[in-house]
Amino acid sequence: MDSLEQFESALRPIVAEAERDAIAQCWIVRLAANRPPWTPSGIELSAGDRVSVFSAGRASIAAAPEIWVGSHCALWMRVGIAGEIFRTPGRSYTFTAQSGGELYLCNLFPGDWADRHGALATDLRAYDRIAGTIAVLVVRWKAGPQAGLERLAAGASAGAAIMRAEAERLKHPALTPAGWHYMWSIGDSGVFDSGRGARGEPIIRCRVNDDATILQRPVHLKFNDSVRLRWSWKIDALPASEREDAVPTHDYLSIAVEFDNGQDLTYMWSAAMTPESSFRCPIPRWSKRETHMVVRSGKERLGERVSEERGVWDDYRRAIGTQPANIVAVWLIAVSVFTHTDSYCEFSDIELAADNQTIPLIAPPG
């Protein structure tokens, strides 16, 4: 829901529940998208408080309103002036305050983080060209959030539907695969989930809906000409329908290898580009570190499980240049924030092999 008016109207009955039953307090806060970096909410939290947040709205380029991100991508929070930053995986999120302090809100678009406590790496003048508003409902619960959400989810109203979605997310949370973690500067989006495939094999599911995220698996492997990356994937639909080498259509699913020189080489299934072609990432803040290589193109074999194997040494030489010394991580990347689409993919059988060594990278779900 991007309309602030519809969002706030739907939640008025929820606000009316303040200080009754399961709700201790609730607030609706509006955040101007062009205000960097942090807006104090006026909401004081104590350590142990259980809180749910719900958001709507968008941030856009004022001169090009067709370029925008929804509140679920833009909104970040921290508790206290020095608290660690976090984002919402979707338009709602429930958390327990680890320490006391004021709740701060931030629109990250079009910025980037310098550290985990919310210093921006972006020139603040970039926000001068941003428009939009984000509305946030903050609920502090008296009792357990699950019970409160389920009570407020009863009925057919728009507000009940908002509560129901968060109740379902809490009941069936996405399980971050063992050994993997989300890139801290992009945040936990809840896009990736650990599971098992049709043959009982461990898989990583990816459900991306108008979002962007990176999941990382640290490794340490000497980089030489024997290194192979192997994986299988089943993609139901590609997030883009055009070439992905320009910002407006740069939506894709891929697996990447990160090196100790800060570079990463990402293997993607393109909508329209030629297999074995490569290009630098078109996003300015990524163009110096990320190179994309197309391994498949078009709709043929979508919906099928397809196995891949790449000689990473030769691919790096062709696409980037002189090879570094070590591999430090493997990434899974999912982007659909530019064309605001959704996509589903399953990754399995991910492994790195070199000389007489094989490193499996997906563990069975716990």
Protein backbone atom coordinates (compact mmCIF):
# COMPACT_ATOMS: atom_id res chain seq x y z
CA MET A 1 0.00 0.00 0.00
CA ASP A 2 1.71 3.20 -1.19
CA SER A 3 -1.15 5.63 -0.45
CA LEU A 4 -0.54 7.30 2.90
CA GLU A 5 -4.17 8.30 3.18
CA GLN A 6 -5.43 4.74 2.66
CA PHE A 7 -2.82 3.37 5.04
CA GLU A 8 -3.68 5.81 7.82
CA SER A 9 -7.42 5.40 7.29
CA ALA A 10 -7.10 1.61 7.47
CA LEU A 11 -5.18 1.85 10.72
CA ARG A 12 -7.40 4.34 12.57
CA PRO A 13 -9.32 1.51 14.27
CA ILE A 14 -5.97 0.07 15.38
CA VAL A 15 -4.87 3.41 16.79
CA ALA A 16 -8.17 3.56 18.66
CA GLU A 17 -7.08 0.39 20.49
CA ALA A 18 -4.19 2.25 22.14
CA GLU A 19 -3.86 1.42 25.84
CA ARG A 20 -6.52 -1.29 25.51
CA ASP A 21 -6.14 -5.05 25.54
CA ALA A 22 -2.82 -6.11 23.96
CA ILE A 23 -1.60 -2.65 22.93
CA ALA A 24 0.34 -0.55 25.42
CA GLN A 25 0.85 2.43 23.10
CA CYS A 26 0.85 3.20 19.39
CA TRP A 27 1.89 6.10 17.23
CA ILE A 28 1.72 7.12 13.56
CA VAL A 29 4.81 9.01 12.42
CA ARG A 30 5.38 10.66 9.04
CA LEU A 31 8.91 10.74 7.66
CA ALA A 32 9.90 13.20 4.94
CA ALA A 33 11.93 11.30 2.35
CA ASN A 34 14.25 14.26 1.69
CA ARG A 35 15.37 14.56 5.32
CA PRO A 36 18.77 12.96 5.93
CA PRO A 37 19.75 10.96 7.74
CA TRP A 38 17.77 10.35 10.94
CA THR A 39 14.41 11.62 12.20
CA PRO A 40 13.67 11.34 15.94
CA SER A 41 10.22 9.78 16.36
CA GLY A 42 9.56 11.02 19.88
CA ILE A 43 8.94 7.38 20.88
CA GLU A 44 10.94 6.22 23.89
CA LEU A 45 11.52 2.47 24.16
CA SER A 46 12.86 0.42 27.06
CA ALA A 47 15.03 -2.68 26.82
CA GLY A 48 12.74 -5.68 26.37
CA ASP A 49 9.87 -3.76 24.76
CA ARG A 50 8.15 -5.78 22.05
CA VAL A 51 7.35 -3.59 19.09
CA SER A 52 5.73 -3.96 15.66
CA VAL A 53 6.15 -1.41 12.88
CA PHE A 54 4.07 -1.05 9.72
CA SER A 55 4.85 1.31 6.84
CA ALA A 56 3.53 2.77 3.61
CA GLY A 57 4.59 5.39 1.09
CA ARG A 58 7.59 5.80 -1.16
CA ALA A 59 10.69 7.85 -1.86
CA SER A 60 11.33 9.00 -5.43
CA ILE A 61 13.55 11.19 -7.58
CA ALA A 62 11.73 14.53 -7.66
CA ALA A 63 12.58 15.19 -11.32
CA ALA A 64 11.83 11.59 -12.35
CA PRO A 65 8.98 10.25 -10.18
CA GLU A 66 8.94 6.98 -12.11
CA ILE A 67 12.19 6.12 -10.25
CA TRP A 68 11.12 5.21 -6.73
CA VAL A 69 11.37 2.69 -3.93
CA GLY A 70 8.65 1.64 -1.51
CA SER A 71 8.79 2.12 2.23
CA HIS A 72 9.81 -1.52 2.76
CA CYS A 73 13.12 -0.81 0.97
CA ALA A 74 13.67 2.74 2.14
CA LEU A 75 12.86 2.58 5.86
CA TRP A 76 15.62 1.92 8.40
CA MET A 77 15.53 2.24 12.18
CA ARG A 78 17.70 2.30 15.28
CA VAL A 79 17.00 2.52 19.00
CA GLY A 80 19.08 5.24 20.62
CA ILE A 81 21.52 7.65 19.04
CA ALA A 82 24.24 4.98 18.88
CA GLY A 83 22.03 1.92 18.30
CA GLU A 84 22.73 -0.60 15.54
CA ILE A 85 20.71 0.03 12.38
CA PHE A 86 18.15 -2.40 10.97
CA ARG A 87 15.52 -2.45 8.23
CA THR A 88 12.10 -4.00 7.85
CA PRO A 89 11.79 -7.24 5.85
CA GLY A 90 8.64 -6.13 4.04
CA ARG A 91 6.08 -3.53 5.05
CA SER A 92 5.90 -4.84 8.61
CA TYR A 93 8.32 -6.07 11.23
CA THR A 94 8.26 -7.12 14.88
CA PHE A 95 11.28 -6.85 17.16
CA THR A 96 12.35 -6.74 20.79
CA ALA A 97 14.31 -3.64 21.85
CA GLN A 98 17.75 -4.75 23.00
CA SER A 99 18.40 -1.48 24.79
CA GLY A 100 16.47 1.62 25.77
CA GLY A 101 16.35 4.87 23.87
CA GLU A 102 14.42 6.92 21.37
CA LEU A 103 13.34 5.22 18.15
CA TYR A 104 14.93 6.92 15.13
CA LEU A 105 13.69 6.55 11.54
CA CYS A 106 15.58 7.05 8.29
CA ASN A 107 14.91 6.93 4.56
CA LEU A 108 18.06 5.42 3.02
CA PHE A 109 17.15 6.09 -0.63
CA PRO A 110 19.38 7.21 -2.37
CA GLY A 111 22.04 6.80 0.29
CA ASP A 112 24.49 4.17 1.48
CA TRP A 113 25.77 3.32 4.95
CA ALA A 114 29.29 4.04 6.23
CA ASP A 115 28.90 2.03 9.44
CA ARG A 116 26.48 -0.14 11.39
CA HIS A 117 25.33 2.73 13.60
CA GLY A 118 23.88 4.88 10.84
CA ALA A 119 26.57 7.22 9.55
CA LEU A 120 25.92 7.90 5.87
CA ALA A 121 28.57 7.34 3.21
CA THR A 122 26.53 9.55 0.87
CA ASP A 123 26.79 13.30 0.38
CA LEU A 124 23.74 14.76 2.14
CA ARG A 125 23.10 16.99 -0.88
CA ALA A 126 21.86 13.87 -2.70
CA TYR A 127 18.68 14.15 -0.63
CA ASP A 128 17.90 17.56 -2.14
CA ARG A 129 16.56 15.78 -5.24
CA ILE A 130 14.34 13.31 -3.33
CA ALA A 131 10.58 13.60 -2.88
CA GLY A 132 7.97 11.60 -1.03
CA THR A 133 6.75 10.70 2.44
CA ILE A 134 6.78 7.49 4.45
CA ALA A 135 4.16 6.80 7.12
CA VAL A 136 5.00 4.44 9.97
CA LEU A 137 2.69 2.91 12.58
CA VAL A 138 4.61 1.87 15.71
CA VAL A 139 2.88 -0.47 18.18
CA ARG A 140 4.30 -1.31 21.61
CA TRP A 141 2.64 -4.42 22.95
CA LYS A 142 1.57 -5.18 26.50
CA ALA A 143 1.72 -8.92 25.94
CA GLY A 144 2.93 -11.20 23.18
CA PRO A 145 2.84 -9.63 19.69
CA GLN A 146 1.52 -12.82 18.08
CA ALA A 147 -1.64 -12.89 20.20
CA GLY A 148 -2.20 -9.17 19.76
CA LEU A 149 -1.74 -9.31 16.01
CA GLU A 150 -4.09 -12.26 15.64
CA ARG A 151 -6.81 -10.50 17.63
CA LEU A 152 -6.48 -7.33 15.53
CA ALA A 153 -6.39 -9.45 12.34
CA ALA A 154 -9.94 -10.67 12.83
CA GLY A 155 -12.38 -9.27 10.29
CA ALA A 156 -12.31 -8.18 6.68
CA SER A 157 -11.13 -4.56 7.04
CA ALA A 158 -8.00 -3.20 5.38
CA GLY A 159 -6.44 -2.66 8.81
CA ALA A 160 -7.13 -6.28 9.78
CA ALA A 161 -5.42 -7.43 6.57
CA ILE A 162 -2.30 -5.42 7.48
CA MET A 163 -2.19 -7.04 10.92
CA ARG A 164 -2.88 -10.49 9.44
CA ALA A 165 0.10 -10.28 7.11
CA GLU A 166 2.47 -9.62 10.02
CA ALA A 167 0.86 -12.34 12.15
CA GLU A 168 1.46 -14.82 9.31
CA ARG A 169 5.05 -13.65 8.87
CA LEU A 170 5.72 -14.24 12.57
CA LYS A 171 4.06 -17.64 12.47
CA HIS A 172 6.03 -18.77 9.41
CA PRO A 173 9.32 -16.85 9.46
CA ALA A 174 11.89 -17.18 6.69
CA LEU A 175 14.90 -19.17 7.97
CA THR A 176 18.23 -17.67 6.99
CA PRO A 177 20.32 -20.61 5.71
CA ALA A 178 22.96 -21.92 8.12
CA GLY A 179 26.36 -20.36 7.52
CA TRP A 180 24.92 -17.50 5.46
CA HIS A 181 24.06 -13.92 6.47
CA TYR A 182 22.58 -10.83 4.84
CA MET A 183 24.96 -8.08 3.76
CA TRP A 184 24.63 -5.67 6.69
CA SER A 185 24.52 -2.49 4.57
CA ILE A 186 21.53 -3.76 2.55
CA GLY A 187 19.85 -5.47 5.48
CA ASP A 188 17.78 -8.54 6.27
CA SER A 189 14.98 -8.53 3.72
CA GLY A 190 13.56 -11.95 4.60
CA VAL A 191 13.84 -12.86 0.91
CA PHE A 192 15.89 -16.06 1.36
CA ASP A 193 14.62 -19.16 3.16
CA SER A 194 16.20 -22.50 3.99
CA GLY A 195 14.33 -25.64 2.92
CA ARG A 196 14.38 -28.94 1.06
CA GLY A 197 13.73 -29.65 -2.59
CA ALA A 198 11.66 -32.31 -4.31
CA ARG A 199 14.45 -34.89 -3.88
CA GLY A 200 14.96 -34.02 -0.21
CA GLU A 201 18.13 -32.05 -0.98
CA PRO A 202 18.86 -28.85 0.97
CA ILE A 203 17.89 -25.75 -1.00
CA ILE A 204 17.78 -21.99 -0.58
CA ARG A 205 14.48 -20.48 -1.67
CA CYS A 206 14.36 -16.90 -2.92
CA ARG A 207 11.07 -15.02 -3.05
CA VAL A 208 11.77 -11.43 -4.07
CA ASN A 209 8.96 -8.92 -4.48
CA ASP A 210 9.98 -5.35 -5.36
CA ASP A 211 13.12 -5.58 -3.23
CA ALA A 212 16.91 -5.85 -3.38
CA THR A 213 19.10 -8.03 -1.19
CA ILE A 214 22.38 -9.94 -0.93
CA LEU A 215 22.97 -13.13 1.07
CA GLN A 216 26.63 -13.95 1.84
CA ARG A 217 28.50 -17.17 2.71
CA PRO A 218 32.06 -16.52 3.95
CA VAL A 219 34.74 -18.88 2.63
CA HIS A 220 38.52 -18.82 2.34
CA LEU A 221 39.93 -20.45 -0.77
CA LYS A 222 43.18 -19.80 -2.59
CA PHE A 223 42.31 -18.58 -6.07
CA ASN A 224 43.97 -20.48 -8.90
CA ASP A 225 43.13 -21.92 -12.29
CA SER A 226 41.55 -25.05 -10.80
CA VAL A 227 38.70 -23.21 -9.05
CA ARG A 228 35.21 -24.22 -10.19
CA LEU A 229 31.88 -22.85 -9.01
CA ARG A 230 28.98 -25.30 -9.31
CA TRP A 231 25.31 -24.78 -8.56
CA SER A 232 21.78 -25.63 -9.66
CA TRP A 233 18.89 -23.20 -9.91
CA LYS A 234 15.24 -23.27 -10.83
CA ILE A 235 13.83 -19.87 -11.76
CA ASP A 236 10.09 -19.60 -12.32
CA ALA A 237 10.15 -16.08 -13.75
CA LEU A 238 12.90 -13.54 -14.35
CA PRO A 239 12.48 -10.19 -12.57
CA ALA A 240 13.40 -8.20 -15.71
CA SER A 241 12.01 -8.42 -19.23
CA GLU A 242 14.73 -6.33 -20.95
CA ARG A 243 18.53 -6.01 -20.91
CA GLU A 244 19.77 -5.57 -17.34
CA ASP A 245 22.81 -3.38 -18.12
CA ALA A 246 21.02 -0.05 -17.46
CA VAL A 247 19.74 1.18 -14.10
CA PRO A 248 15.99 1.32 -14.95
CA THR A 249 15.96 -2.42 -15.82
CA HIS A 250 18.74 -3.71 -13.55
CA ASP A 251 16.65 -6.44 -11.91
CA TYR A 252 18.14 -9.94 -11.80
CA LEU A 253 18.85 -13.17 -9.89
CA SER A 254 22.45 -14.34 -9.61
CA ILE A 255 25.19 -16.13 -7.70
CA ALA A 256 28.47 -14.29 -7.14
CA VAL A 257 32.03 -14.88 -6.00
CA GLU A 258 33.74 -12.22 -3.87
CA PHE A 259 37.54 -11.79 -3.85
CA ASP A 260 40.07 -10.36 -1.42
CA ASN A 261 40.63 -7.30 -3.63
CA GLY A 262 37.03 -6.15 -3.07
CA GLN A 263 35.79 -7.25 -6.50
CA ASP A 264 32.90 -9.62 -7.09
CA LEU A 265 31.95 -11.54 -10.21
CA THR A 266 28.25 -12.35 -10.41
CA TYR A 267 26.75 -15.00 -12.70
CA MET A 268 23.26 -14.11 -13.87
CA TRP A 269 20.39 -15.49 -15.95
CA SER A 270 19.52 -12.58 -18.23
CA ALA A 271 16.22 -11.74 -19.86
CA ALA A 272 17.77 -10.67 -23.15
CA MET A 273 21.57 -10.38 -23.09
CA THR A 274 23.99 -12.67 -24.93
CA PRO A 275 25.40 -15.61 -22.94
CA GLU A 276 29.10 -15.22 -22.05
CA SER A 277 28.84 -11.42 -22.30
CA SER A 278 29.84 -9.34 -19.27
CA PHE A 279 29.37 -5.77 -18.04
CA ARG A 280 30.12 -3.56 -15.07
CA CYS A 281 27.22 -2.91 -12.71
CA PRO A 282 25.34 0.18 -13.94
CA ILE A 283 24.60 1.41 -10.40
CA PRO A 284 27.23 4.10 -9.71
CA ARG A 285 28.12 3.00 -6.17
CA TRP A 286 28.62 -0.61 -7.37
CA SER A 287 30.30 -0.02 -10.73
CA LYS A 288 33.85 -0.09 -9.35
CA ARG A 289 33.42 -3.40 -7.52
CA GLU A 290 30.88 -5.58 -9.34
CA THR A 291 31.00 -7.29 -12.74
CA HIS A 292 28.12 -9.29 -14.19
CA MET A 293 28.57 -12.30 -16.46
CA VAL A 294 25.62 -13.75 -18.37
CA VAL A 295 25.45 -17.56 -18.22
CA ARG A 296 21.91 -18.01 -19.58
CA SER A 297 19.43 -15.82 -21.44
CA GLY A 298 15.74 -15.81 -22.26
CA LYS A 299 12.81 -17.93 -21.12
CA GLU A 300 13.99 -21.32 -22.31
CA ARG A 301 14.26 -23.75 -19.37
CA LEU A 302 12.59 -21.40 -16.90
CA GLY A 303 10.74 -23.52 -14.36
CA GLU A 304 13.30 -26.34 -14.74
CA ARG A 305 16.15 -27.26 -12.44
CA VAL A 306 19.33 -26.37 -14.35
CA SER A 307 22.88 -27.24 -13.27
CA GLU A 308 25.82 -24.92 -13.96
CA GLU A 309 29.61 -25.09 -13.65
CA ARG A 310 32.05 -22.23 -14.23
CA GLY A 311 35.83 -21.97 -14.37
CA VAL A 312 36.11 -18.88 -12.18
CA TRP A 313 39.78 -18.18 -12.97
CA ASP A 314 39.21 -17.83 -16.71
CA ASP A 315 35.92 -15.95 -16.22
CA TYR A 316 37.63 -13.41 -13.96
CA ARG A 317 40.49 -12.93 -16.41
CA ARG A 318 38.12 -12.33 -19.33
CA ALA A 319 35.64 -10.10 -17.50
CA ILE A 320 37.80 -8.19 -15.02
CA GLY A 321 41.56 -8.69 -15.50
CA THR A 322 44.48 -9.72 -13.32
CA GLN A 323 43.34 -12.28 -10.78
CA PRO A 324 43.51 -11.70 -7.00
CA ALA A 325 44.91 -14.13 -4.43
CA ASN A 326 41.87 -15.49 -2.59
CA ILE A 327 38.12 -16.04 -2.70
CA VAL A 328 36.47 -14.72 0.48
CA ALA A 329 32.73 -15.32 -0.03
CA VAL A 330 29.94 -16.56 -2.25
CA TRP A 331 26.82 -14.40 -2.61
CA LEU A 332 23.23 -14.90 -3.70
CA ILE A 333 21.71 -11.72 -5.15
CA ALA A 334 18.06 -10.90 -5.83
CA VAL A 335 16.98 -7.53 -7.26
CA SER A 336 13.51 -6.53 -8.45
CA VAL A 337 13.32 -2.98 -7.09
CA PHE A 338 13.70 -1.13 -10.39
CA THR A 339 10.78 -2.62 -12.33
CA HIS A 340 8.87 -3.49 -9.11
CA THR A 341 8.31 -7.13 -10.05
CA ASP A 342 8.33 -10.40 -8.14
CA SER A 343 10.23 -13.61 -8.82
CA TYR A 344 10.88 -17.03 -7.30
CA CYS A 345 14.06 -19.09 -7.50
CA GLU A 346 15.52 -22.18 -5.81
CA PHE A 347 19.29 -22.63 -5.44
CA SER A 348 20.81 -26.03 -4.68
CA ASP A 349 24.08 -27.97 -4.95
CA ILE A 350 26.21 -24.85 -4.46
CA GLU A 351 29.88 -25.73 -4.06
CA LEU A 352 33.38 -24.46 -4.74
CA ALA A 353 35.99 -26.93 -5.94
CA ALA A 354 39.74 -26.48 -6.33
CA ASP A 355 42.55 -29.02 -6.74
CA ASN A 356 41.44 -31.95 -4.55
CA GLN A 357 39.16 -29.87 -2.33
CA THR A 358 35.37 -29.42 -2.54
CA ILE A 359 33.50 -26.98 -0.28
CA PRO A 360 29.71 -27.58 -0.10
CA LEU A 361 27.91 -24.31 0.71
CA ILE A 362 24.33 -25.37 1.52
CA ALA A 363 23.58 -27.25 4.73
CA PRO A 364 20.31 -29.06 5.50
CA PRO A 365 17.80 -26.83 7.33
CA GLY A 366 18.02 -27.08 11.11
